[in-house]
Protein backbone atom coordinates (compact mmCIF):
# COMPACT_ATOMS: atom_id res chain seq x y z
CA UNK A 1 34.51 -85.79 -2.48
CA UNK A 2 36.11 -82.91 -4.03
CA UNK A 3 39.83 -82.05 -3.60
CA UNK A 4 40.89 -78.87 -1.64
CA UNK A 5 41.57 -76.14 -4.38
CA UNK A 6 43.81 -74.53 -2.39
CA UNK A 7 46.36 -77.34 -2.19
CA UNK A 8 48.44 -78.54 -4.75
CA UNK A 9 47.50 -81.90 -6.55
CA UNK A 10 49.99 -84.90 -5.84
CA UNK A 11 52.25 -85.10 -7.96
CA UNK A 12 52.42 -88.68 -9.76
CA UNK A 13 56.24 -88.79 -9.08
CA UNK A 14 54.88 -88.70 -5.05
CA UNK A 15 52.86 -91.13 -5.39
CA UNK A 16 55.78 -93.17 -7.29
CA UNK A 17 57.89 -92.65 -4.11
CA UNK A 18 55.59 -92.65 -1.04
CA UNK A 19 53.55 -95.72 -2.04
CA UNK A 20 54.03 -97.27 -5.34
CA UNK A 21 57.76 -98.29 -5.61
CA UNK A 22 57.94 -98.80 -1.49
CA UNK A 23 54.93 -101.71 -2.24
CA UNK A 24 56.19 -102.96 -5.17
CA UNK A 25 59.63 -103.71 -3.51
CA UNK A 26 61.40 -101.95 -6.03
CA UNK A 27 64.23 -99.84 -6.65
CA UNK A 28 64.50 -96.23 -8.42
CA UNK A 29 67.41 -98.20 -10.46
CA UNK A 30 65.15 -101.10 -10.54
CA UNK A 31 62.03 -99.30 -11.79
CA UNK A 32 64.51 -97.60 -14.97
CA UNK A 33 65.85 -100.42 -15.99
CA UNK A 34 62.14 -101.62 -16.18
CA UNK A 35 60.99 -98.66 -18.23
CA UNK A 36 63.71 -98.71 -20.58
CA UNK A 37 64.70 -95.09 -19.04
CA UNK A 38 67.78 -93.40 -16.96
CA UNK A 39 67.99 -93.66 -13.48
CA UNK A 40 67.80 -89.66 -13.33
CA UNK A 41 65.23 -89.51 -15.21
CA UNK A 42 63.09 -91.61 -12.61
CA UNK A 43 64.73 -89.82 -9.67
CA UNK A 44 63.90 -86.37 -11.19
CA UNK A 45 60.14 -87.61 -11.37
CA UNK A 46 60.61 -89.07 -7.68
CA UNK A 47 61.50 -85.22 -6.55
CA UNK A 48 59.09 -83.82 -8.50
CA UNK A 49 61.28 -81.73 -10.58
CA UNK A 50 59.98 -83.70 -14.18
CA UNK A 51 56.92 -83.96 -15.27
CA UNK A 52 55.86 -87.28 -16.38
CA UNK A 53 55.10 -86.93 -20.10
CA UNK A 54 53.39 -88.65 -22.60
CA UNK A 55 55.58 -91.32 -23.28
CA UNK A 56 56.93 -91.75 -19.60
CA UNK A 57 52.85 -92.06 -19.24
CA UNK A 58 53.14 -95.48 -21.28
CA UNK A 59 56.58 -96.62 -19.83
CA UNK A 60 54.67 -96.39 -15.72
CA UNK A 61 51.62 -97.92 -17.36
CA UNK A 62 53.12 -100.56 -18.72
CA UNK A 63 55.71 -101.59 -15.63
CA UNK A 64 52.54 -101.03 -13.60
CA UNK A 65 49.95 -102.76 -16.17
CA UNK A 66 47.56 -99.49 -14.81
CA UNK A 67 47.76 -97.63 -18.38
CA UNK A 68 49.41 -94.19 -19.29
CA UNK A 69 45.60 -92.49 -18.16
CA UNK A 70 46.35 -92.05 -14.42
CA UNK A 71 50.21 -90.76 -14.67
CA UNK A 72 48.84 -88.21 -17.41
CA UNK A 73 45.85 -87.35 -15.38
CA UNK A 74 47.59 -87.15 -12.22
CA UNK A 75 50.52 -84.88 -14.13
CA UNK A 76 47.44 -82.73 -15.62
CA UNK A 77 45.67 -81.89 -13.03
CA UNK A 78 49.25 -80.60 -10.83
CA UNK A 79 49.89 -78.54 -14.39
CA UNK A 80 46.64 -76.84 -14.05
CA UNK A 81 47.01 -75.80 -10.34
CA UNK A 82 50.45 -74.51 -11.04
CA UNK A 83 49.70 -72.65 -13.92
CA UNK A 84 46.24 -71.20 -12.30
CA UNK A 85 48.90 -70.46 -8.93
CA UNK A 86 51.32 -68.79 -11.56
CA UNK A 87 49.30 -66.59 -13.97
CA UNK A 88 45.46 -66.19 -11.86
CA UNK A 89 45.15 -62.39 -12.31
CA UNK A 90 46.26 -62.51 -16.22
CA UNK A 91 43.19 -65.48 -16.84
CA UNK A 92 40.77 -62.81 -14.38
CA UNK A 93 41.27 -60.25 -17.46
CA UNK A 94 40.24 -62.55 -20.15
CA UNK A 95 37.11 -61.51 -21.27
CA UNK A 96 35.10 -64.85 -21.76
CA UNK A 97 32.87 -64.98 -24.84
CA UNK A 98 29.52 -66.26 -25.44
CA UNK A 99 29.82 -68.65 -28.10
CA UNK A 100 27.46 -72.33 -27.92
CA UNK A 101 30.00 -75.34 -28.82
CA UNK A 102 28.94 -78.34 -29.60
């Protein structure tokens, strides 16, 4: 099943805020302590004001036991979608080269 390209992908902070933290029964403060980061960092991620970096992805992956890839892939989807929404007309003007890549 493919996702709707007109809909912004889910930010990793939304998944944490809406699903994971309630299911785990932990607070933002406890997550911050477990991750070794400030509560502000966690709060900004949960409120989608901060992107999940490679460092944060490793920390989240360690806390929840699912590795960094999930978190980085979610953030990558958001970043790519937002860039396309912002710059679509510019991207459409870029000529594509016909080069075989191996």
